[in-house]
Amino acid sequence: MVKKGLLAGLLLLALAVLQPAPESPAVAAASVQGDVNCGGTVTAVDALQVLRSVAGLTTSAACVADAGDTNCDANVNAVDALRILRYVAGLTNSVPAGCAAIGDSLAPTPTSEELIAAALAAGTITYEESLLYRALALYDLPGLPEEFRSPVIDYHAGRLLFVEIEDNKAQLSQATLDALEPILARPSDPISIFNNPPVAAGAVTAQTAGY
């Protein structure tokens, strides 16, 4: 019954492809995987717009380039329309590694640096805390608050962090310098985190740094 329903849906969409497309909206940035018409949600209309695009017909799918490739194979085709229909019907789709699932946000994952910078700007953490958290985030160390953890590591920002710490050493508290020392030490140094990896129970944290 499910397969028949999907085939019937594709047939109806194929017939609908021949109908004129509604006027295209202003160009917008895609925010949801599969939402090719930038409507904010994924519906059967999105599958229709994918088919119209594949057929070379006019379409209101302003976000088809960003949100239409639902299996991340570098092509927008009828397979993507079928996957969208499966999503709308409540059926599962395979999700290739590194590909957002249909209905999920396409917004880039913020880095720890960005999350910490936002907290510093909001005044929820101090400047010294931000330095320590950035150092912990660079190596995904225990002691970093979960709200600042990210699967995206900005190693370039890490190099800038070391320079910033060195330039501001005179203004930093001794507690902060002590907490940062194992992270900043050369790998060959006995106190380096590479020789003495911190564990959750005794991790370097803002609390142990005297905050």
C-alpha atoms as a PDB file:
ATOM      1  CA  MET A   1       0.000   0.000   0.000  1.00  0.00           C
ATOM      2  CA  VAL A   2       2.841   2.393   0.828  1.00  0.00           C
ATOM      3  CA  LYS A   3       4.527   1.782  -2.528  1.00  0.00           C
ATOM      4  CA  LYS A   4       1.241   2.247  -4.386  1.00  0.00           C
ATOM      5  CA  GLY A   5       0.652   5.467  -2.500  1.00  0.00           C
ATOM      6  CA  LEU A   6       4.075   6.797  -3.427  1.00  0.00           C
ATOM      7  CA  LEU A   7       3.609   5.845  -7.077  1.00  0.00           C
ATOM      8  CA  ALA A   8       0.224   7.539  -7.110  1.00  0.00           C
ATOM      9  CA  GLY A   9       1.784  10.603  -5.550  1.00  0.00           C
ATOM     10  CA  LEU A  10       4.526  10.698  -8.163  1.00  0.00           C
ATOM     11  CA  LEU A  11       1.937  10.326 -10.932  1.00  0.00           C
ATOM     12  CA  LEU A  12      -0.068  13.249  -9.568  1.00  0.00           C
ATOM     13  CA  LEU A  13       3.102  15.298  -9.292  1.00  0.00           C
ATOM     14  CA  ALA A  14       4.073  14.410 -12.852  1.00  0.00           C
ATOM     15  CA  LEU A  15       0.679  15.678 -14.036  1.00  0.00           C
ATOM     16  CA  ALA A  16       1.030  18.779 -11.895  1.00  0.00           C
ATOM     17  CA  VAL A  17       4.391  19.514 -13.458  1.00  0.00           C
ATOM     18  CA  LEU A  18       2.567  20.470 -16.643  1.00  0.00           C
ATOM     19  CA  GLN A  19       0.602  23.152 -14.827  1.00  0.00           C
ATOM     20  CA  PRO A  20       1.994  26.715 -14.713  1.00  0.00           C
ATOM     21  CA  ALA A  21       4.177  27.440 -11.713  1.00  0.00           C
ATOM     22  CA  PRO A  22       3.153  30.179  -9.278  1.00  0.00           C
ATOM     23  CA  GLU A  23       5.074  33.409  -9.440  1.00  0.00           C
ATOM     24  CA  SER A  24       8.576  32.966  -7.995  1.00  0.00           C
ATOM     25  CA  PRO A  25       9.174  34.620  -4.629  1.00  0.00           C
ATOM     26  CA  ALA A  26      12.101  36.903  -3.959  1.00  0.00           C
ATOM     27  CA  VAL A  27      15.393  35.056  -3.715  1.00  0.00           C
ATOM     28  CA  ALA A  28      15.910  33.764  -0.191  1.00  0.00           C
ATOM     29  CA  ALA A  29      18.476  31.660   1.599  1.00  0.00           C
ATOM     30  CA  ALA A  30      17.527  28.038   2.188  1.00  0.00           C
ATOM     31  CA  SER A  31      17.200  27.195   5.860  1.00  0.00           C
ATOM     32  CA  VAL A  32      15.668  23.683   5.782  1.00  0.00           C
ATOM     33  CA  GLN A  33      16.813  20.648   3.789  1.00  0.00           C
ATOM     34  CA  GLY A  34      14.161  19.805   1.174  1.00  0.00           C
ATOM     35  CA  ASP A  35      12.388  23.162   1.451  1.00  0.00           C
ATOM     36  CA  VAL A  36      13.105  24.139  -2.155  1.00  0.00           C
ATOM     37  CA  ASN A  37      10.492  26.909  -2.318  1.00  0.00           C
ATOM     38  CA  CYS A  38      11.795  28.597   0.852  1.00  0.00           C
ATOM     39  CA  GLY A  39       8.416  28.247   2.545  1.00  0.00           C
ATOM     40  CA  GLY A  40       9.843  27.290   5.928  1.00  0.00           C
ATOM     41  CA  THR A  41       8.528  23.708   5.879  1.00  0.00           C
ATOM     42  CA  VAL A  42       8.872  20.676   3.605  1.00  0.00           C
ATOM     43  CA  THR A  43       5.686  19.651   1.768  1.00  0.00           C
ATOM     44  CA  ALA A  44       4.621  17.806  -1.397  1.00  0.00           C
ATOM     45  CA  VAL A  45       4.800  21.165  -3.157  1.00  0.00           C
ATOM     46  CA  ASP A  46       8.567  21.041  -2.775  1.00  0.00           C
ATOM     47  CA  ALA A  47       8.672  17.660  -4.522  1.00  0.00           C
ATOM     48  CA  LEU A  48       6.583  19.159  -7.344  1.00  0.00           C
ATOM     49  CA  GLN A  49       8.998  22.069  -7.691  1.00  0.00           C
ATOM     50  CA  VAL A  50      11.957  19.689  -7.879  1.00  0.00           C
ATOM     51  CA  LEU A  51      10.257  17.790 -10.721  1.00  0.00           C
ATOM     52  CA  ARG A  52       9.490  21.031 -12.542  1.00  0.00           C
ATOM     53  CA  SER A  53      13.128  22.082 -12.189  1.00  0.00           C
ATOM     54  CA  VAL A  54      14.340  18.700 -13.493  1.00  0.00           C
ATOM     55  CA  ALA A  55      11.944  19.003 -16.450  1.00  0.00           C
ATOM     56  CA  GLY A  56      13.306  22.443 -17.286  1.00  0.00           C
ATOM     57  CA  LEU A  57      10.002  24.186 -16.563  1.00  0.00           C
ATOM     58  CA  THR A  58       9.516  27.427 -14.683  1.00  0.00           C
ATOM     59  CA  THR A  59       9.492  26.969 -10.947  1.00  0.00           C
ATOM     60  CA  SER A  60       8.999  28.895  -7.735  1.00  0.00           C
ATOM     61  CA  ALA A  61      11.797  26.883  -6.152  1.00  0.00           C
ATOM     62  CA  ALA A  62      14.087  29.760  -5.243  1.00  0.00           C
ATOM     63  CA  CYS A  63      16.020  27.487  -2.870  1.00  0.00           C
ATOM     64  CA  VAL A  64      16.303  24.406  -5.073  1.00  0.00           C
ATOM     65  CA  ALA A  65      20.071  24.796  -5.527  1.00  0.00           C
ATOM     66  CA  ASP A  66      20.699  24.821  -1.769  1.00  0.00           C
ATOM     67  CA  ALA A  67      17.926  22.580  -0.436  1.00  0.00           C
ATOM     68  CA  GLY A  68      17.021  20.323  -3.373  1.00  0.00           C
ATOM     69  CA  ASP A  69      19.955  17.923  -3.301  1.00  0.00           C
ATOM     70  CA  THR A  70      18.552  15.889  -0.428  1.00  0.00           C
ATOM     71  CA  ASN A  71      20.977  12.982  -0.741  1.00  0.00           C
ATOM     72  CA  CYS A  72      24.044  15.183  -1.325  1.00  0.00           C
ATOM     73  CA  ASP A  73      25.069  13.484  -4.576  1.00  0.00           C
ATOM     74  CA  ALA A  74      25.683  16.855  -6.276  1.00  0.00           C
ATOM     75  CA  ASN A  75      22.527  16.484  -8.389  1.00  0.00           C
ATOM     76  CA  VAL A  76      18.910  17.593  -7.997  1.00  0.00           C
ATOM     77  CA  ASN A  77      16.727  15.031  -9.708  1.00  0.00           C
ATOM     78  CA  ALA A  78      13.588  12.898  -9.432  1.00  0.00           C
ATOM     79  CA  VAL A  79      15.218  10.849  -6.666  1.00  0.00           C
ATOM     80  CA  ASP A  80      15.211  13.958  -4.496  1.00  0.00           C
ATOM     81  CA  ALA A  81      11.509  14.497  -5.262  1.00  0.00           C
ATOM     82  CA  LEU A  82      10.817  10.904  -4.179  1.00  0.00           C
ATOM     83  CA  ARG A  83      12.803  11.384  -0.983  1.00  0.00           C
ATOM     84  CA  ILE A  84      10.810  14.516  -0.188  1.00  0.00           C
ATOM     85  CA  LEU A  85       7.562  12.612  -0.748  1.00  0.00           C
ATOM     86  CA  ARG A  86       8.754   9.868   1.582  1.00  0.00           C
ATOM     87  CA  TYR A  87       9.512  12.492   4.226  1.00  0.00           C
ATOM     88  CA  VAL A  88       6.070  14.071   3.827  1.00  0.00           C
ATOM     89  CA  ALA A  89       4.477  10.605   4.114  1.00  0.00           C
ATOM     90  CA  GLY A  90       6.345   9.957   7.361  1.00  0.00           C
ATOM     91  CA  LEU A  91       8.681   7.353   5.854  1.00  0.00           C
ATOM     92  CA  THR A  92      12.405   7.144   6.499  1.00  0.00           C
ATOM     93  CA  ASN A  93      15.168   8.131   4.096  1.00  0.00           C
ATOM     94  CA  SER A  94      18.825   7.195   4.221  1.00  0.00           C
ATOM     95  CA  VAL A  95      21.040  10.083   5.297  1.00  0.00           C
ATOM     96  CA  PRO A  96      24.534  10.039   3.766  1.00  0.00           C
ATOM     97  CA  ALA A  97      27.388  11.082   6.029  1.00  0.00           C
ATOM     98  CA  GLY A  98      27.766  14.847   6.153  1.00  0.00           C
ATOM     99  CA  CYS A  99      24.320  15.413   4.639  1.00  0.00           C
ATOM    100  CA  ALA A 100      21.495  17.128   6.508  1.00  0.00           C
ATOM    101  CA  ALA A 101      18.350  15.031   6.815  1.00  0.00           C
ATOM    102  CA  ILE A 102      15.231  16.332   5.096  1.00  0.00           C
ATOM    103  CA  GLY A 103      13.511  18.756   7.436  1.00  0.00           C
ATOM    104  CA  ASP A 104      16.714  19.556   9.332  1.00  0.00           C
ATOM    105  CA  SER A 105      18.341  22.964   9.438  1.00  0.00           C
ATOM    106  CA  LEU A 106      20.896  23.839   6.786  1.00  0.00           C
ATOM    107  CA  ALA A 107      22.419  26.533   8.966  1.00  0.00           C
ATOM    108  CA  PRO A 108      26.156  25.928   9.485  1.00  0.00           C
ATOM    109  CA  THR A 109      27.126  24.508  12.866  1.00  0.00           C
ATOM    110  CA  PRO A 110      28.695  27.272  14.979  1.00  0.00           C
ATOM    111  CA  THR A 111      32.234  26.703  16.172  1.00  0.00           C
ATOM    112  CA  SER A 112      33.168  26.767  19.840  1.00  0.00           C
ATOM    113  CA  GLU A 113      34.933  30.058  19.131  1.00  0.00           C
ATOM    114  CA  GLU A 114      31.665  31.573  17.884  1.00  0.00           C
ATOM    115  CA  LEU A 115      29.652  30.220  20.815  1.00  0.00           C
ATOM    116  CA  ILE A 116      32.163  31.541  23.347  1.00  0.00           C
ATOM    117  CA  ALA A 117      32.392  34.911  21.581  1.00  0.00           C
ATOM    118  CA  ALA A 118      28.603  35.235  21.715  1.00  0.00           C
ATOM    119  CA  ALA A 119      28.576  34.480  25.462  1.00  0.00           C
ATOM    120  CA  LEU A 120      31.347  37.028  26.046  1.00  0.00           C
ATOM    121  CA  ALA A 121      29.438  39.663  24.071  1.00  0.00           C
ATOM    122  CA  ALA A 122      26.299  38.877  26.086  1.00  0.00           C
ATOM    123  CA  GLY A 123      28.211  39.314  29.333  1.00  0.00           C
ATOM    124  CA  THR A 124      27.530  35.787  30.617  1.00  0.00           C
ATOM    125  CA  ILE A 125      31.245  34.969  30.881  1.00  0.00           C
ATOM    126  CA  THR A 126      34.316  37.083  31.596  1.00  0.00           C
ATOM    127  CA  TYR A 127      37.186  37.731  29.217  1.00  0.00           C
ATOM    128  CA  GLU A 128      39.503  35.441  31.184  1.00  0.00           C
ATOM    129  CA  GLU A 129      36.891  32.698  31.164  1.00  0.00           C
ATOM    130  CA  SER A 130      36.583  33.108  27.405  1.00  0.00           C
ATOM    131  CA  LEU A 131      40.312  32.559  26.966  1.00  0.00           C
ATOM    132  CA  LEU A 132      40.270  29.433  29.088  1.00  0.00           C
ATOM    133  CA  TYR A 133      37.174  28.032  27.365  1.00  0.00           C
ATOM    134  CA  ARG A 134      38.673  28.703  23.941  1.00  0.00           C
ATOM    135  CA  ALA A 135      41.819  26.818  24.949  1.00  0.00           C
ATOM    136  CA  LEU A 136      39.798  23.897  26.296  1.00  0.00           C
ATOM    137  CA  ALA A 137      37.661  23.836  23.142  1.00  0.00           C
ATOM    138  CA  LEU A 138      40.702  23.689  20.885  1.00  0.00           C
ATOM    139  CA  TYR A 139      41.525  20.205  22.180  1.00  0.00           C
ATOM    140  CA  ASP A 140      37.965  19.246  23.207  1.00  0.00           C
ATOM    141  CA  LEU A 141      39.126  18.914  26.803  1.00  0.00           C
ATOM    142  CA  PRO A 142      37.057  18.034  29.860  1.00  0.00           C
ATOM    143  CA  GLY A 143      36.001  21.090  31.808  1.00  0.00           C
ATOM    144  CA  LEU A 144      34.542  22.946  28.831  1.00  0.00           C
ATOM    145  CA  PRO A 145      30.841  23.677  29.474  1.00  0.00           C
ATOM    146  CA  GLU A 146      28.650  21.646  27.131  1.00  0.00           C
ATOM    147  CA  GLU A 147      27.014  24.745  25.679  1.00  0.00           C
ATOM    148  CA  PHE A 148      30.371  25.677  24.157  1.00  0.00           C
ATOM    149  CA  ARG A 149      31.194  22.303  22.632  1.00  0.00           C
ATOM    150  CA  SER A 150      31.026  21.991  18.858  1.00  0.00           C
ATOM    151  CA  PRO A 151      31.982  19.261  16.367  1.00  0.00           C
ATOM    152  CA  VAL A 152      33.590  22.008  14.264  1.00  0.00           C
ATOM    153  CA  ILE A 153      37.099  22.912  15.426  1.00  0.00           C
ATOM    154  CA  ASP A 154      38.616  26.159  14.193  1.00  0.00           C
ATOM    155  CA  TYR A 155      42.351  25.491  14.321  1.00  0.00           C
ATOM    156  CA  HIS A 156      43.145  28.838  12.704  1.00  0.00           C
ATOM    157  CA  ALA A 157      41.398  30.565  15.615  1.00  0.00           C
ATOM    158  CA  GLY A 158      43.536  28.452  17.935  1.00  0.00           C
ATOM    159  CA  ARG A 159      46.719  29.970  16.592  1.00  0.00           C
ATOM    160  CA  LEU A 160      45.260  33.435  17.069  1.00  0.00           C
ATOM    161  CA  LEU A 161      44.273  32.481  20.628  1.00  0.00           C
ATOM    162  CA  PHE A 162      47.855  31.654  21.595  1.00  0.00           C
ATOM    163  CA  VAL A 163      49.031  35.005  20.265  1.00  0.00           C
ATOM    164  CA  GLU A 164      46.233  36.801  22.149  1.00  0.00           C
ATOM    165  CA  ILE A 165      47.119  35.062  25.402  1.00  0.00           C
ATOM    166  CA  GLU A 166      50.793  35.938  25.002  1.00  0.00           C
ATOM    167  CA  ASP A 167      49.957  39.582  24.272  1.00  0.00           C
ATOM    168  CA  ASN A 168      47.729  39.845  27.356  1.00  0.00           C
ATOM    169  CA  LYS A 169      49.709  37.822  29.881  1.00  0.00           C
ATOM    170  CA  ALA A 170      50.456  40.863  32.003  1.00  0.00           C
ATOM    171  CA  GLN A 171      46.732  41.510  32.505  1.00  0.00           C
ATOM    172  CA  LEU A 172      45.703  37.916  33.268  1.00  0.00           C
ATOM    173  CA  SER A 173      45.319  36.585  36.785  1.00  0.00           C
ATOM    174  CA  GLN A 174      47.777  34.018  38.060  1.00  0.00           C
ATOM    175  CA  ALA A 175      44.940  31.518  38.440  1.00  0.00           C
ATOM    176  CA  THR A 176      44.118  31.818  34.737  1.00  0.00           C
ATOM    177  CA  LEU A 177      47.773  31.543  33.741  1.00  0.00           C
ATOM    178  CA  ASP A 178      48.150  28.428  35.879  1.00  0.00           C
ATOM    179  CA  ALA A 179      45.060  26.865  34.283  1.00  0.00           C
ATOM    180  CA  LEU A 180      46.313  27.664  30.785  1.00  0.00           C
ATOM    181  CA  GLU A 181      49.898  26.533  31.354  1.00  0.00           C
ATOM    182  CA  PRO A 182      49.418  22.805  30.577  1.00  0.00           C
ATOM    183  CA  ILE A 183      47.521  23.697  27.415  1.00  0.00           C
ATOM    184  CA  LEU A 184      50.094  26.201  26.187  1.00  0.00           C
ATOM    185  CA  ALA A 185      53.130  24.089  27.076  1.00  0.00           C
ATOM    186  CA  ARG A 186      55.094  22.405  24.304  1.00  0.00           C
ATOM    187  CA  PRO A 187      54.167  18.720  23.796  1.00  0.00           C
ATOM    188  CA  SER A 188      57.630  17.720  25.020  1.00  0.00           C
ATOM    189  CA  ASP A 189      57.101  19.545  28.323  1.00  0.00           C
ATOM    190  CA  PRO A 190      56.233  17.144  31.181  1.00  0.00           C
ATOM    191  CA  ILE A 191      53.340  19.396  32.265  1.00  0.00           C
ATOM    192  CA  SER A 192      51.789  19.449  28.790  1.00  0.00           C
ATOM    193  CA  ILE A 193      48.288  18.045  28.353  1.00  0.00           C
ATOM    194  CA  PHE A 194      49.835  15.672  25.824  1.00  0.00           C
ATOM    195  CA  ASN A 195      51.808  14.051  28.618  1.00  0.00           C
ATOM    196  CA  ASN A 196      49.186  14.461  31.332  1.00  0.00           C
ATOM    197  CA  PRO A 197      45.756  14.462  29.674  1.00  0.00           C
ATOM    198  CA  PRO A 198      43.177  15.973  32.033  1.00  0.00           C
ATOM    199  CA  VAL A 199      40.303  13.746  33.077  1.00  0.00           C
ATOM    200  CA  ALA A 200      36.786  14.806  33.911  1.00  0.00           C
ATOM    201  CA  ALA A 201      37.254  14.470  37.656  1.00  0.00           C
ATOM    202  CA  GLY A 202      40.291  16.723  37.742  1.00  0.00           C
ATOM    203  CA  ALA A 203      39.828  18.766  34.618  1.00  0.00           C
ATOM    204  CA  VAL A 204      40.984  22.311  34.232  1.00  0.00           C
ATOM    205  CA  THR A 205      37.861  24.397  34.570  1.00  0.00           C
ATOM    206  CA  ALA A 206      36.909  27.980  35.173  1.00  0.00           C
ATOM    207  CA  GLN A 207      36.062  26.946  38.743  1.00  0.00           C
ATOM    208  CA  THR A 208      39.539  25.501  39.417  1.00  0.00           C
ATOM    209  CA  ALA A 209      41.002  28.640  37.888  1.00  0.00           C
ATOM    210  CA  GLY A 210      39.398  30.644  40.689  1.00  0.00           C
ATOM    211  CA  TYR A 211      36.231  31.970  39.001  1.00  0.00           C
END
